[in-house]
Amino acid sequence: MDDDDPIELRGAVDDDAGVPAWERRRRVMRWVALIALLGMLLPTAVGTYSVARTTAEQSCRLAVDFYANERTPSRVAFELLSADAVGWTCYAVTPSGDVLVALLGLIPGAPRLVPRTLS
């Protein structure tokens, strides 16, 4: 811009950085908005994960108690790269390793407990 332009078109320039004041203010407002958005979404995501994990643990405990016995420890895991299914999976922890007991899905609920038949 030339010195002949009106002052409104020139814009106020911050002496330290050589950046117009409105540009600096816009950057600060973007960061404030981003932090506020994260401040609203992060507690929701953590709460949702916590409820899903608790539900998966309780469902897994029911499935392990049904298929094995009450003394067998259980473990749940959220798997995104599983070959079987995406979501929460339930394992019975045995001395020989983990045994898959149930697939609980993305939103865990009560497991489908089907009695095993001896054939």
C-alpha atoms as a PDB file:
ATOM      1  CA  MET A   1       0.000   0.000   0.000  1.00  0.00           C
ATOM      2  CA  ASP A   2       1.071   3.540  -0.662  1.00  0.00           C
ATOM      3  CA  ASP A   3       1.258   6.419   1.747  1.00  0.00           C
ATOM      4  CA  ASP A   4      -1.474   8.053  -0.350  1.00  0.00           C
ATOM      5  CA  ASP A   5      -4.023   5.433   0.771  1.00  0.00           C
ATOM      6  CA  PRO A   6      -6.368   6.355   3.618  1.00  0.00           C
ATOM      7  CA  ILE A   7      -5.333   5.123   7.064  1.00  0.00           C
ATOM      8  CA  GLU A   8      -8.301   2.740   7.199  1.00  0.00           C
ATOM      9  CA  LEU A   9      -6.924   0.782   4.260  1.00  0.00           C
ATOM     10  CA  ARG A  10      -3.348   0.703   5.574  1.00  0.00           C
ATOM     11  CA  GLY A  11      -4.227  -1.138   8.792  1.00  0.00           C
ATOM     12  CA  ALA A  12      -2.548  -0.757  12.138  1.00  0.00           C
ATOM     13  CA  VAL A  13       0.820  -2.493  12.183  1.00  0.00           C
ATOM     14  CA  ASP A  14       2.330  -4.050  15.278  1.00  0.00           C
ATOM     15  CA  ASP A  15       5.816  -2.587  15.604  1.00  0.00           C
ATOM     16  CA  ASP A  16       7.362  -5.761  17.084  1.00  0.00           C
ATOM     17  CA  ALA A  17       6.415  -8.367  14.503  1.00  0.00           C
ATOM     18  CA  GLY A  18       5.411  -6.291  11.493  1.00  0.00           C
ATOM     19  CA  VAL A  19       2.030  -8.067  11.516  1.00  0.00           C
ATOM     20  CA  PRO A  20      -1.197  -6.090  11.367  1.00  0.00           C
ATOM     21  CA  ALA A  21      -2.940  -5.937  14.741  1.00  0.00           C
ATOM     22  CA  TRP A  22      -6.146  -7.444  13.348  1.00  0.00           C
ATOM     23  CA  GLU A  23      -4.193 -10.464  12.072  1.00  0.00           C
ATOM     24  CA  ARG A  24      -2.618 -11.053  15.488  1.00  0.00           C
ATOM     25  CA  ARG A  25      -6.024 -10.675  17.138  1.00  0.00           C
ATOM     26  CA  ARG A  26      -7.516 -13.187  14.685  1.00  0.00           C
ATOM     27  CA  ARG A  27      -4.788 -15.734  15.508  1.00  0.00           C
ATOM     28  CA  VAL A  28      -5.386 -15.315  19.238  1.00  0.00           C
ATOM     29  CA  MET A  29      -9.138 -15.752  18.775  1.00  0.00           C
ATOM     30  CA  ARG A  30      -8.563 -18.945  16.760  1.00  0.00           C
ATOM     31  CA  TRP A  31      -6.462 -20.406  19.574  1.00  0.00           C
ATOM     32  CA  VAL A  32      -9.011 -19.378  22.196  1.00  0.00           C
ATOM     33  CA  ALA A  33     -11.817 -20.981  20.171  1.00  0.00           C
ATOM     34  CA  LEU A  34      -9.786 -24.177  19.667  1.00  0.00           C
ATOM     35  CA  ILE A  35      -8.980 -24.461  23.378  1.00  0.00           C
ATOM     36  CA  ALA A  36     -12.632 -23.831  24.291  1.00  0.00           C
ATOM     37  CA  LEU A  37     -13.774 -26.507  21.824  1.00  0.00           C
ATOM     38  CA  LEU A  38     -11.316 -29.023  23.249  1.00  0.00           C
ATOM     39  CA  GLY A  39     -12.408 -28.047  26.750  1.00  0.00           C
ATOM     40  CA  MET A  40     -15.971 -29.004  25.852  1.00  0.00           C
ATOM     41  CA  LEU A  41     -15.260 -32.182  23.856  1.00  0.00           C
ATOM     42  CA  LEU A  42     -12.505 -33.791  25.914  1.00  0.00           C
ATOM     43  CA  PRO A  43     -14.599 -34.421  29.077  1.00  0.00           C
ATOM     44  CA  THR A  44     -17.375 -35.888  26.929  1.00  0.00           C
ATOM     45  CA  ALA A  45     -14.971 -38.263  25.175  1.00  0.00           C
ATOM     46  CA  VAL A  46     -13.345 -39.343  28.452  1.00  0.00           C
ATOM     47  CA  GLY A  47     -16.739 -39.912  30.074  1.00  0.00           C
ATOM     48  CA  THR A  48     -18.002 -41.953  27.123  1.00  0.00           C
ATOM     49  CA  TYR A  49     -14.858 -44.108  27.151  1.00  0.00           C
ATOM     50  CA  SER A  50     -15.163 -44.637  30.906  1.00  0.00           C
ATOM     51  CA  VAL A  51     -18.803 -45.757  30.708  1.00  0.00           C
ATOM     52  CA  ALA A  52     -18.071 -48.057  27.747  1.00  0.00           C
ATOM     53  CA  ARG A  53     -15.098 -49.639  29.525  1.00  0.00           C
ATOM     54  CA  THR A  54     -17.081 -50.229  32.731  1.00  0.00           C
ATOM     55  CA  THR A  55     -19.951 -51.787  30.759  1.00  0.00           C
ATOM     56  CA  ALA A  56     -17.514 -53.970  28.804  1.00  0.00           C
ATOM     57  CA  GLU A  57     -15.818 -55.145  32.013  1.00  0.00           C
ATOM     58  CA  GLN A  58     -19.146 -56.106  33.585  1.00  0.00           C
ATOM     59  CA  SER A  59     -20.343 -57.879  30.439  1.00  0.00           C
ATOM     60  CA  CYS A  60     -17.040 -59.697  30.144  1.00  0.00           C
ATOM     61  CA  ARG A  61     -17.236 -60.823  33.743  1.00  0.00           C
ATOM     62  CA  LEU A  62     -20.729 -62.266  33.068  1.00  0.00           C
ATOM     63  CA  ALA A  63     -19.499 -64.102  29.970  1.00  0.00           C
ATOM     64  CA  VAL A  64     -16.422 -65.554  31.674  1.00  0.00           C
ATOM     65  CA  ASP A  65     -18.504 -66.650  34.672  1.00  0.00           C
ATOM     66  CA  PHE A  66     -20.983 -68.331  32.306  1.00  0.00           C
ATOM     67  CA  TYR A  67     -18.467 -70.123  30.077  1.00  0.00           C
ATOM     68  CA  ALA A  68     -15.651 -70.829  32.551  1.00  0.00           C
ATOM     69  CA  ASN A  69     -15.967 -70.334  36.302  1.00  0.00           C
ATOM     70  CA  GLU A  70     -16.027 -67.494  38.798  1.00  0.00           C
ATOM     71  CA  ARG A  71     -12.338 -67.830  39.637  1.00  0.00           C
ATOM     72  CA  THR A  72     -11.090 -67.325  36.078  1.00  0.00           C
ATOM     73  CA  PRO A  73      -9.829 -63.764  35.613  1.00  0.00           C
ATOM     74  CA  SER A  74     -11.148 -61.740  32.704  1.00  0.00           C
ATOM     75  CA  ARG A  75      -9.735 -58.953  30.551  1.00  0.00           C
ATOM     76  CA  VAL A  76     -11.351 -56.551  28.089  1.00  0.00           C
ATOM     77  CA  ALA A  77      -9.654 -54.731  25.253  1.00  0.00           C
ATOM     78  CA  PHE A  78     -10.779 -52.218  22.632  1.00  0.00           C
ATOM     79  CA  GLU A  79      -9.358 -53.406  19.340  1.00  0.00           C
ATOM     80  CA  LEU A  80      -9.432 -51.412  16.124  1.00  0.00           C
ATOM     81  CA  LEU A  81      -7.217 -53.705  14.058  1.00  0.00           C
ATOM     82  CA  SER A  82      -8.714 -57.052  15.044  1.00  0.00           C
ATOM     83  CA  ALA A  83      -9.270 -59.650  12.348  1.00  0.00           C
ATOM     84  CA  ASP A  84     -12.519 -60.823  13.982  1.00  0.00           C
ATOM     85  CA  ALA A  85     -14.353 -57.591  14.718  1.00  0.00           C
ATOM     86  CA  VAL A  86     -13.812 -53.961  15.621  1.00  0.00           C
ATOM     87  CA  GLY A  87     -14.727 -52.974  19.165  1.00  0.00           C
ATOM     88  CA  TRP A  88     -14.579 -54.374  22.676  1.00  0.00           C
ATOM     89  CA  THR A  89     -13.443 -57.964  23.065  1.00  0.00           C
ATOM     90  CA  CYS A  90     -13.570 -60.160  26.142  1.00  0.00           C
ATOM     91  CA  TYR A  91     -10.814 -62.574  27.101  1.00  0.00           C
ATOM     92  CA  ALA A  92     -10.459 -65.191  29.834  1.00  0.00           C
ATOM     93  CA  VAL A  93      -6.954 -65.097  31.271  1.00  0.00           C
ATOM     94  CA  THR A  94      -5.571 -68.629  31.610  1.00  0.00           C
ATOM     95  CA  PRO A  95      -2.083 -69.909  32.434  1.00  0.00           C
ATOM     96  CA  SER A  96      -1.613 -70.888  28.788  1.00  0.00           C
ATOM     97  CA  GLY A  97      -2.660 -67.449  27.498  1.00  0.00           C
ATOM     98  CA  ASP A  98      -5.718 -65.348  26.779  1.00  0.00           C
ATOM     99  CA  VAL A  99      -8.778 -67.098  25.360  1.00  0.00           C
ATOM    100  CA  LEU A 100     -11.351 -65.112  23.381  1.00  0.00           C
ATOM    101  CA  VAL A 101     -14.731 -65.442  25.100  1.00  0.00           C
ATOM    102  CA  ALA A 102     -17.007 -62.834  23.511  1.00  0.00           C
ATOM    103  CA  LEU A 103     -17.097 -59.997  21.006  1.00  0.00           C
ATOM    104  CA  LEU A 104     -18.917 -57.127  22.702  1.00  0.00           C
ATOM    105  CA  GLY A 105     -18.989 -54.675  19.759  1.00  0.00           C
ATOM    106  CA  LEU A 106     -18.376 -50.927  19.543  1.00  0.00           C
ATOM    107  CA  ILE A 107     -21.043 -50.125  22.110  1.00  0.00           C
ATOM    108  CA  PRO A 108     -20.820 -52.902  24.692  1.00  0.00           C
ATOM    109  CA  GLY A 109     -23.938 -54.357  26.183  1.00  0.00           C
ATOM    110  CA  ALA A 110     -25.049 -57.647  27.621  1.00  0.00           C
ATOM    111  CA  PRO A 111     -23.244 -60.516  25.897  1.00  0.00           C
ATOM    112  CA  ARG A 112     -25.171 -63.147  23.952  1.00  0.00           C
ATOM    113  CA  LEU A 113     -24.657 -66.200  26.127  1.00  0.00           C
ATOM    114  CA  VAL A 114     -25.412 -69.377  24.218  1.00  0.00           C
ATOM    115  CA  PRO A 115     -25.025 -72.622  26.153  1.00  0.00           C
ATOM    116  CA  ARG A 116     -22.498 -74.940  24.617  1.00  0.00           C
ATOM    117  CA  THR A 117     -23.743 -78.389  23.712  1.00  0.00           C
ATOM    118  CA  LEU A 118     -21.677 -81.516  23.975  1.00  0.00           C
ATOM    119  CA  SER A 119     -21.858 -83.293  20.646  1.00  0.00           C
END
